Amino acid sequence: MNNNKILEKIRKKEIANVVSIKSENLDIIEYASKLNYDAIHLDAEHGSFSVDSIERICQLAISCGLTVTARIHKVSEAEINLFIDRGVQGIMGPHVDTFEEAKLLADSCLFPPLGKRSWGGGRGTEFGELSFMNKHNNVSNKLSYASWANDNMELTIQIESVKAVENLDSILKEKRINRIAFGPHDLAADLGFPGEPDHPKVIETHNKIEKVARKAGKLMVGDYTNSIRFEESAVEMLSKFKN
């Protein structure tokens, strides 16, 4: 495991470059590493990843010095464990509508005493091998490794429903959440404007979310990160080439 490059860039107020993928593509991970990207983001909510493919992606990406983050299917302890035990160091929870859901995400991602993360034997806990854990600065035992892992876990939630907006003040009381993300299409649909993420009412609601979130001391997901979606960029490239 490596230090979380996204969090390092945020702390330095520098830009982290991220490639987002929706399916296993090991070549892209190698290219991203050679092009000095910082992280690979797995869009598992709308993508197709098996546990084995997440394992292979993390194995290669971490070996190449890249941080791996993921948007999961839904916020649940079992779902989160599948990703963080493989070596994922950042979880985005979609459709977070309540404080309880935000709390569940944080509890599931962070080791005690900060959370309730289960201690596994995978890459996320250096396979339970203390000699691997000791390679990290200031780590001498499992407890100090857990502290290191907590310091390198980035937590994001998506606000993408009317219910979430109504509960926003309560949700933002979860201090362990680092960043807030929008869900433009889902929020538009829930506001009564399906297929219109740029509708004035949607933009107005986004502005409200951002204002309240920043007042609560949260970052927005676009702060200090520059992301490219591989599948969409490939379609654009192929279209330009054909024309």
Protein backbone atom coordinates (compact mmCIF):
# COMPACT_ATOMS: atom_id res chain seq x y z
CA MET A 1 0.00 0.00 0.00
CA ASN A 2 1.07 3.58 -0.67
CA ASN A 3 0.22 6.98 0.73
CA ASN A 4 -3.04 8.27 -0.75
CA LYS A 5 -1.87 10.60 -3.51
CA ILE A 6 -5.21 12.42 -3.73
CA LEU A 7 -5.12 13.33 -0.05
CA GLU A 8 -1.46 14.32 -0.36
CA LYS A 9 -2.31 16.68 -3.22
CA ILE A 10 -5.30 18.11 -1.32
CA ARG A 11 -3.10 18.82 1.71
CA LYS A 12 -0.61 20.60 -0.53
CA LYS A 13 -3.42 22.38 -2.40
CA GLU A 14 -2.18 20.83 -5.63
CA ILE A 15 -4.15 19.10 -8.40
CA ALA A 16 -4.46 15.30 -8.44
CA ASN A 17 -4.96 13.79 -11.90
CA VAL A 18 -7.37 10.85 -11.98
CA VAL A 19 -8.52 8.35 -14.63
CA SER A 20 -12.04 6.98 -14.10
CA ILE A 21 -12.93 3.57 -15.57
CA LYS A 22 -16.13 1.51 -15.67
CA SER A 23 -14.57 -1.88 -16.40
CA GLU A 24 -11.26 -3.65 -16.01
CA ASN A 25 -8.60 -2.16 -18.29
CA LEU A 26 -5.08 -2.94 -17.16
CA ASP A 27 -3.46 -1.18 -20.12
CA ILE A 28 -5.01 2.14 -19.04
CA ILE A 29 -3.52 1.70 -15.58
CA GLU A 30 -0.05 1.27 -17.07
CA TYR A 31 -0.54 4.26 -19.36
CA ALA A 32 -1.78 6.40 -16.45
CA SER A 33 1.29 5.48 -14.42
CA LYS A 34 3.68 6.31 -17.27
CA LEU A 35 1.87 9.63 -17.82
CA ASN A 36 2.29 10.53 -14.14
CA TYR A 37 -1.36 10.35 -13.14
CA ASP A 38 -2.07 10.05 -9.44
CA ALA A 39 -5.07 7.76 -9.16
CA ILE A 40 -7.49 5.32 -10.77
CA HIS A 41 -11.17 5.68 -9.93
CA LEU A 42 -13.51 2.71 -10.35
CA ASP A 43 -17.10 3.69 -11.15
CA ALA A 44 -18.60 0.50 -9.78
CA GLU A 45 -22.10 1.95 -9.38
CA HIS A 46 -22.54 2.03 -13.17
CA GLY A 47 -19.64 -0.22 -14.15
CA SER A 48 -18.89 -3.93 -14.29
CA PHE A 49 -16.30 -5.08 -11.77
CA SER A 50 -16.01 -8.48 -10.16
CA VAL A 51 -14.10 -8.98 -6.91
CA ASP A 52 -11.35 -10.63 -8.99
CA SER A 53 -11.12 -7.67 -11.36
CA ILE A 54 -10.89 -5.22 -8.45
CA GLU A 55 -8.09 -7.40 -7.06
CA ARG A 56 -6.16 -7.30 -10.34
CA ILE A 57 -6.67 -3.56 -10.79
CA CYS A 58 -5.47 -2.78 -7.26
CA GLN A 59 -2.54 -5.18 -7.57
CA LEU A 60 -1.25 -3.43 -10.70
CA ALA A 61 -2.19 0.13 -9.80
CA ILE A 62 -0.65 0.04 -6.33
CA SER A 63 2.49 -1.62 -7.72
CA CYS A 64 2.68 1.28 -10.20
CA GLY A 65 2.39 3.82 -7.39
CA LEU A 66 -1.21 4.82 -8.15
CA THR A 67 -3.97 5.33 -5.59
CA VAL A 68 -7.24 3.50 -6.23
CA THR A 69 -10.65 4.93 -5.28
CA ALA A 70 -14.15 3.67 -6.07
CA ARG A 71 -17.76 4.70 -6.28
CA ILE A 72 -19.54 1.69 -4.85
CA HIS A 73 -23.00 0.31 -5.73
CA LYS A 74 -24.56 1.26 -2.41
CA VAL A 75 -23.48 2.14 1.10
CA SER A 76 -23.16 -1.08 3.10
CA GLU A 77 -20.45 -2.58 5.29
CA ALA A 78 -20.18 -5.74 3.18
CA GLU A 79 -19.95 -3.79 -0.08
CA ILE A 80 -17.28 -1.45 1.27
CA ASN A 81 -15.21 -4.34 2.65
CA LEU A 82 -15.00 -5.91 -0.81
CA PHE A 83 -13.23 -2.80 -2.08
CA ILE A 84 -11.05 -1.67 0.81
CA ASP A 85 -9.72 -5.16 1.53
CA ARG A 86 -8.44 -5.22 -2.06
CA GLY A 87 -6.53 -1.96 -1.45
CA VAL A 88 -8.98 0.80 -2.41
CA GLN A 89 -8.15 3.95 -0.42
CA GLY A 90 -11.14 6.12 -1.20
CA ILE A 91 -14.86 5.37 -1.19
CA MET A 92 -17.60 7.44 -2.80
CA GLY A 93 -21.05 6.56 -1.50
CA PRO A 94 -23.89 7.26 -3.94
CA HIS A 95 -27.43 8.26 -2.95
CA VAL A 96 -26.59 9.29 0.61
CA ASP A 97 -29.90 10.67 1.89
CA THR A 98 -29.44 10.66 5.67
CA PHE A 99 -26.89 11.23 8.41
CA GLU A 100 -27.18 7.54 9.29
CA GLU A 101 -26.03 6.53 5.79
CA ALA A 102 -23.08 8.95 5.93
CA LYS A 103 -22.17 7.56 9.36
CA LEU A 104 -22.36 3.97 8.07
CA LEU A 105 -19.96 4.81 5.25
CA ALA A 106 -17.43 6.39 7.62
CA ASP A 107 -17.77 3.62 10.20
CA SER A 108 -17.20 0.96 7.55
CA CYS A 109 -14.11 2.63 6.05
CA LEU A 110 -12.19 3.59 9.18
CA PHE A 111 -10.56 1.38 11.79
CA PRO A 112 -11.28 1.82 15.50
CA PRO A 113 -11.24 4.09 17.37
CA LEU A 114 -12.35 6.34 14.48
CA GLY A 115 -14.69 3.77 12.96
CA LYS A 116 -15.73 0.13 12.91
CA ARG A 117 -13.81 -1.19 9.89
CA SER A 118 -13.27 -4.93 10.00
CA TRP A 119 -9.64 -6.08 10.05
CA GLY A 120 -9.11 -8.24 6.97
CA GLY A 121 -6.16 -10.16 5.64
CA GLY A 122 -6.03 -8.64 2.18
CA ARG A 123 -3.93 -5.94 0.57
CA GLY A 124 -5.76 -3.27 2.58
CA THR A 125 -4.10 -4.59 5.73
CA GLU A 126 -0.83 -5.59 4.03
CA PHE A 127 -1.99 -9.24 4.07
CA GLY A 128 -1.67 -9.23 7.85
CA GLU A 129 2.13 -9.22 7.52
CA LEU A 130 3.72 -6.96 10.12
CA SER A 131 6.99 -6.67 8.21
CA PHE A 132 5.01 -5.12 5.31
CA MET A 133 3.18 -2.75 7.65
CA ASN A 134 6.45 -1.60 9.20
CA LYS A 135 7.60 -0.17 5.88
CA HIS A 136 5.27 2.79 6.43
CA ASN A 137 6.48 5.79 8.41
CA ASN A 138 5.71 5.63 12.13
CA VAL A 139 4.14 2.16 11.86
CA SER A 140 5.41 -0.44 14.32
CA ASN A 141 2.34 -2.59 15.02
CA LYS A 142 -1.21 -3.24 13.85
CA LEU A 143 -2.64 -0.36 15.86
CA SER A 144 -0.29 2.19 14.31
CA TYR A 145 -0.95 0.65 10.87
CA ALA A 146 -4.68 1.17 11.45
CA SER A 147 -3.96 4.83 12.22
CA TRP A 148 -1.90 5.12 9.00
CA ALA A 149 -4.72 3.48 7.00
CA ASN A 150 -7.27 5.89 8.47
CA ASP A 151 -5.08 8.86 7.54
CA ASN A 152 -4.98 7.58 3.96
CA MET A 153 -8.69 6.83 3.48
CA GLU A 154 -10.65 9.46 1.54
CA LEU A 155 -14.43 9.56 2.02
CA THR A 156 -16.91 11.16 -0.39
CA ILE A 157 -20.71 11.18 -0.47
CA GLN A 158 -23.06 12.06 -3.31
CA ILE A 159 -26.04 14.33 -2.72
CA GLU A 160 -28.49 13.49 -5.49
CA SER A 161 -32.07 13.61 -4.19
CA VAL A 162 -34.57 16.05 -2.72
CA LYS A 163 -34.49 14.03 0.51
CA ALA A 164 -30.70 14.44 0.74
CA VAL A 165 -30.98 18.20 0.21
CA GLU A 166 -33.64 18.41 2.91
CA ASN A 167 -31.35 16.46 5.27
CA LEU A 168 -28.16 18.23 4.20
CA ASP A 169 -27.48 20.04 7.48
CA SER A 170 -27.82 16.77 9.36
CA ILE A 171 -25.71 14.80 6.87
CA LEU A 172 -22.87 17.33 7.04
CA LYS A 173 -22.59 16.82 10.79
CA GLU A 174 -20.67 13.63 9.93
CA LYS A 175 -17.21 15.11 10.46
CA ARG A 176 -15.33 12.15 8.96
CA ILE A 177 -16.61 12.79 5.43
CA ASN A 178 -13.97 14.61 3.35
CA ARG A 179 -15.76 15.63 0.16
CA ILE A 180 -19.21 16.19 -1.33
CA ALA A 181 -20.24 15.26 -4.87
CA PHE A 182 -23.34 16.03 -6.92
CA GLY A 183 -25.52 13.58 -8.84
CA PRO A 184 -26.80 15.97 -11.53
CA HIS A 185 -29.03 13.61 -13.53
CA ASP A 186 -30.57 11.83 -10.55
CA LEU A 187 -31.16 15.10 -8.72
CA ALA A 188 -32.73 16.60 -11.85
CA ALA A 189 -35.11 13.66 -12.11
CA ASP A 190 -36.03 13.85 -8.44
CA LEU A 191 -36.71 17.59 -8.78
CA GLY A 192 -39.10 16.85 -11.65
CA PHE A 193 -36.79 17.66 -14.56
CA PRO A 194 -35.60 14.27 -15.90
CA GLY A 195 -32.90 14.55 -18.56
CA GLU A 196 -32.26 18.23 -17.71
CA PRO A 197 -29.22 18.39 -15.41
CA ASP A 198 -28.64 21.99 -16.56
CA HIS A 199 -32.14 23.15 -15.67
CA PRO A 200 -32.03 26.43 -13.65
CA LYS A 201 -33.70 24.75 -10.67
CA VAL A 202 -31.05 22.01 -10.65
CA ILE A 203 -28.23 24.55 -10.88
CA GLU A 204 -29.84 26.55 -8.08
CA THR A 205 -30.00 23.42 -5.92
CA HIS A 206 -26.36 22.55 -6.69
CA ASN A 207 -25.33 26.05 -5.66
CA LYS A 208 -27.23 25.64 -2.40
CA ILE A 209 -25.56 22.28 -1.71
CA GLU A 210 -22.12 23.71 -2.38
CA LYS A 211 -22.69 26.78 -0.21
CA VAL A 212 -23.92 24.75 2.75
CA ALA A 213 -21.21 22.11 2.33
CA ARG A 214 -18.39 24.64 2.21
CA LYS A 215 -19.78 26.41 5.26
CA ALA A 216 -19.59 23.05 7.04
CA GLY A 217 -15.91 22.79 6.09
CA LYS A 218 -16.27 20.20 3.33
CA LEU A 219 -14.50 20.16 -0.02
CA MET A 220 -16.37 19.58 -3.26
CA VAL A 221 -15.24 16.63 -5.34
CA GLY A 222 -13.76 18.88 -8.04
CA ASP A 223 -11.51 20.72 -5.62
CA TYR A 224 -7.87 19.73 -6.25
CA THR A 225 -8.79 16.88 -8.62
CA ASN A 226 -8.76 16.75 -12.40
CA SER A 227 -10.61 13.66 -13.65
CA ILE A 228 -11.04 12.12 -17.07
CA ARG A 229 -13.59 9.39 -17.80
CA PHE A 230 -11.85 6.88 -20.01
CA GLU A 231 -14.89 5.41 -21.78
CA GLU A 232 -16.36 8.80 -22.66
CA SER A 233 -13.01 10.14 -23.84
CA ALA A 234 -12.49 7.03 -26.01
CA VAL A 235 -15.88 7.55 -27.71
CA GLU A 236 -15.01 11.19 -28.35
CA MET A 237 -11.62 10.24 -29.81
CA LEU A 238 -13.14 7.57 -32.08
CA SER A 239 -15.81 9.99 -33.30
CA LYS A 240 -13.23 12.66 -34.12
CA PHE A 241 -11.06 10.14 -35.94
CA LYS A 242 -13.96 8.86 -38.04
CA ASN A 243 -15.02 12.37 -39.02
